[in-house]
Amino acid sequence: MLIWDNAPWHKCQEVKDFLNTDLGKRLWLANTPAYSPELNRSGEPS
Protein backbone atom coordinates (compact mmCIF):
# COMPACT_ATOMS: atom_id res chain seq x y z
CA MET A 1 0.00 0.00 0.00
CA LEU A 2 1.22 3.47 -0.84
CA ILE A 3 -0.43 6.47 0.79
CA TRP A 4 0.22 9.83 -0.81
CA ASP A 5 -1.18 13.33 -0.78
CA ASN A 6 -1.73 14.08 -4.49
CA ALA A 7 1.12 16.57 -4.60
CA PRO A 8 1.98 17.61 -8.17
CA TRP A 9 5.30 15.74 -8.18
CA HIS A 10 3.44 12.50 -7.46
CA LYS A 11 1.81 12.85 -10.87
CA CYS A 12 4.98 13.38 -12.92
CA GLN A 13 5.77 11.13 -15.88
CA GLU A 14 8.48 9.26 -13.96
CA VAL A 15 5.94 8.17 -11.32
CA LYS A 16 3.38 7.25 -13.97
CA ASP A 17 5.99 5.16 -15.78
CA PHE A 18 6.89 3.34 -12.55
CA LEU A 19 3.24 2.64 -11.74
CA ASN A 20 2.91 0.99 -15.17
CA THR A 21 5.72 -1.49 -14.39
CA ASP A 22 5.04 -4.95 -12.97
CA LEU A 23 6.22 -3.79 -9.54
CA GLY A 24 4.19 -0.59 -9.71
CA LYS A 25 1.03 -2.53 -10.62
CA ARG A 26 1.39 -4.49 -7.37
CA LEU A 27 0.89 -1.32 -5.32
CA TRP A 28 -2.46 -0.21 -3.97
CA LEU A 29 -2.67 3.58 -3.92
CA ALA A 30 -4.54 5.44 -1.21
CA ASN A 31 -4.91 9.10 -2.13
CA THR A 32 -5.44 11.81 0.46
CA PRO A 33 -6.05 15.50 -0.12
CA ALA A 34 -2.92 17.64 -0.56
CA TYR A 35 -3.75 19.46 2.70
CA SER A 36 -5.63 17.37 5.24
CA PRO A 37 -4.74 18.23 8.85
CA GLU A 38 -7.93 16.53 10.02
CA LEU A 39 -6.38 13.21 8.97
CA ASN A 40 -3.34 13.75 11.20
CA ARG A 41 -3.80 11.45 14.19
CA SER A 42 -0.99 13.00 16.24
CA GLY A 43 -2.12 14.11 19.64
CA GLU A 44 -4.93 11.57 19.85
CA PRO A 45 -4.81 9.01 22.65
CA SER A 46 -3.61 5.58 21.56
C-alpha atoms as a PDB file:
ATOM      1  CA  MET A   1       0.000   0.000   0.000  1.00  0.00           C
ATOM      2  CA  LEU A   2       1.219   3.468  -0.838  1.00  0.00           C
ATOM      3  CA  ILE A   3      -0.428   6.470   0.786  1.00  0.00           C
ATOM      4  CA  TRP A   4       0.217   9.826  -0.807  1.00  0.00           C
ATOM      5  CA  ASP A   5      -1.184  13.327  -0.784  1.00  0.00           C
ATOM      6  CA  ASN A   6      -1.732  14.076  -4.494  1.00  0.00           C
ATOM      7  CA  ALA A   7       1.123  16.567  -4.596  1.00  0.00           C
ATOM      8  CA  PRO A   8       1.979  17.614  -8.172  1.00  0.00           C
ATOM      9  CA  TRP A   9       5.305  15.742  -8.175  1.00  0.00           C
ATOM     10  CA  HIS A  10       3.440  12.500  -7.465  1.00  0.00           C
ATOM     11  CA  LYS A  11       1.807  12.854 -10.870  1.00  0.00           C
ATOM     12  CA  CYS A  12       4.976  13.382 -12.923  1.00  0.00           C
ATOM     13  CA  GLN A  13       5.775  11.135 -15.877  1.00  0.00           C
ATOM     14  CA  GLU A  14       8.483   9.256 -13.963  1.00  0.00           C
ATOM     15  CA  VAL A  15       5.941   8.169 -11.321  1.00  0.00           C
ATOM     16  CA  LYS A  16       3.378   7.248 -13.975  1.00  0.00           C
ATOM     17  CA  ASP A  17       5.993   5.163 -15.778  1.00  0.00           C
ATOM     18  CA  PHE A  18       6.893   3.342 -12.555  1.00  0.00           C
ATOM     19  CA  LEU A  19       3.243   2.643 -11.744  1.00  0.00           C
ATOM     20  CA  ASN A  20       2.914   0.991 -15.168  1.00  0.00           C
ATOM     21  CA  THR A  21       5.725  -1.492 -14.394  1.00  0.00           C
ATOM     22  CA  ASP A  22       5.039  -4.952 -12.972  1.00  0.00           C
ATOM     23  CA  LEU A  23       6.216  -3.793  -9.542  1.00  0.00           C
ATOM     24  CA  GLY A  24       4.187  -0.591  -9.711  1.00  0.00           C
ATOM     25  CA  LYS A  25       1.032  -2.534 -10.621  1.00  0.00           C
ATOM     26  CA  ARG A  26       1.386  -4.488  -7.368  1.00  0.00           C
ATOM     27  CA  LEU A  27       0.890  -1.318  -5.315  1.00  0.00           C
ATOM     28  CA  TRP A  28      -2.462  -0.214  -3.970  1.00  0.00           C
ATOM     29  CA  LEU A  29      -2.669   3.579  -3.919  1.00  0.00           C
ATOM     30  CA  ALA A  30      -4.538   5.439  -1.211  1.00  0.00           C
ATOM     31  CA  ASN A  31      -4.910   9.100  -2.125  1.00  0.00           C
ATOM     32  CA  THR A  32      -5.441  11.811   0.464  1.00  0.00           C
ATOM     33  CA  PRO A  33      -6.051  15.502  -0.124  1.00  0.00           C
ATOM     34  CA  ALA A  34      -2.918  17.640  -0.562  1.00  0.00           C
ATOM     35  CA  TYR A  35      -3.754  19.457   2.697  1.00  0.00           C
ATOM     36  CA  SER A  36      -5.629  17.367   5.239  1.00  0.00           C
ATOM     37  CA  PRO A  37      -4.740  18.234   8.849  1.00  0.00           C
ATOM     38  CA  GLU A  38      -7.930  16.533  10.022  1.00  0.00           C
ATOM     39  CA  LEU A  39      -6.384  13.206   8.969  1.00  0.00           C
ATOM     40  CA  ASN A  40      -3.344  13.745  11.198  1.00  0.00           C
ATOM     41  CA  ARG A  41      -3.798  11.448  14.190  1.00  0.00           C
ATOM     42  CA  SER A  42      -0.991  13.001  16.240  1.00  0.00           C
ATOM     43  CA  GLY A  43      -2.121  14.115  19.642  1.00  0.00           C
ATOM     44  CA  GLU A  44      -4.933  11.573  19.847  1.00  0.00           C
ATOM     45  CA  PRO A  45      -4.815   9.013  22.647  1.00  0.00           C
ATOM     46  CA  SER A  46      -3.607   5.576  21.556  1.00  0.00           C
END
